[in-house]
Structures are given as C-alpha cells and as structure tokens.
Amino acid sequence: MPITLMCPNLSCRAVLRVPDRVRGKKVRCGQCGMVFSVPSQGTPAVATVGSKEPKSK
C-alpha cells in the first residue's frame, strides 16, 4: 500500500506517493530534488520539535 507524504522543503511541499517498502529509507523529491527519510512503521509522520508554552513568572 503506497504511503502519501509531503516534501519537507518549505518552498516545495509537493505531495509524494512512495511504496511501503521504502519505510525508514531515504527518498528524493521529484519536484525539488531534496533527499529526506521516510518515517518507519509506527513513527509519527509529523515530527514535533517541542512545545512553546509561556514561561510562568
């Protein structure tokens, strides 16, 4: 079953469909050429960098 994901390049953001067998491997975007890793099974598709909660005084 193909995986649908978005190119992480903010100036591209192309929607890509890749085969399931490339999970955990690197792929190249056909639009901009950026190389990035496809999330492995069980890994969330969107990585969170951290929360930006306001500091309490």
Protein backbone atom coordinates (compact mmCIF):
# COMPACT_ATOMS: atom_id res chain seq x y z
CA MET A 1 0.00 0.00 0.00
CA PRO A 2 1.59 3.34 -1.03
CA ILE A 3 2.50 5.96 1.56
CA THR A 4 1.41 9.55 0.92
CA LEU A 5 3.65 12.21 2.42
CA MET A 6 4.68 15.80 1.86
CA CYS A 7 8.13 17.05 0.90
CA PRO A 8 9.67 18.73 3.97
CA ASN A 9 11.18 21.52 1.83
CA LEU A 10 9.09 24.56 2.77
CA SER A 11 9.44 26.11 -0.68
CA CYS A 12 8.26 22.88 -2.39
CA ARG A 13 5.72 20.99 -0.22
CA ALA A 14 4.95 18.54 -3.06
CA VAL A 15 2.70 15.60 -2.19
CA LEU A 16 4.57 12.34 -2.84
CA ARG A 17 3.37 8.73 -3.03
CA VAL A 18 6.05 6.17 -2.28
CA PRO A 19 5.88 2.37 -1.93
CA ASP A 20 5.55 0.89 1.56
CA ARG A 21 8.90 -0.91 1.18
CA VAL A 22 10.84 2.39 1.44
CA ARG A 23 9.82 2.99 5.08
CA GLY A 24 12.91 4.04 7.04
CA LYS A 25 14.91 4.75 3.86
CA LYS A 26 15.86 7.97 2.11
CA VAL A 27 13.97 9.20 -0.96
CA ARG A 28 14.41 12.14 -3.32
CA CYS A 29 11.58 14.57 -4.08
CA GLY A 30 10.80 14.54 -7.79
CA GLN A 31 9.93 18.26 -7.75
CA CYS A 32 12.81 19.93 -5.88
CA GLY A 33 15.39 17.13 -5.51
CA MET A 34 15.56 17.26 -1.70
CA VAL A 35 16.59 13.97 -0.08
CA PHE A 36 14.77 13.02 3.13
CA SER A 37 13.91 9.94 5.20
CA VAL A 38 10.51 8.25 5.02
CA PRO A 39 9.17 7.56 8.54
CA SER A 40 9.44 3.93 9.62
CA GLN A 41 6.45 1.89 10.74
CA GLY A 42 4.99 3.31 13.95
CA THR A 43 6.82 6.63 13.66
CA PRO A 44 4.55 9.69 13.52
CA ALA A 45 4.51 11.36 10.10
CA VAL A 46 4.93 14.81 11.67
CA ALA A 47 7.86 15.30 14.00
CA THR A 48 7.37 17.66 16.90
CA VAL A 49 10.25 19.91 17.85
CA GLY A 50 8.99 20.87 21.29
CA SER A 51 6.29 22.87 22.93
CA LYS A 52 6.42 26.62 23.16
CA GLU A 53 4.50 27.13 26.35
CA PRO A 54 4.80 30.51 28.01
CA LYS A 55 7.14 30.62 30.98
CA SER A 56 5.44 31.21 34.29
CA LYS A 57 6.81 34.03 36.46
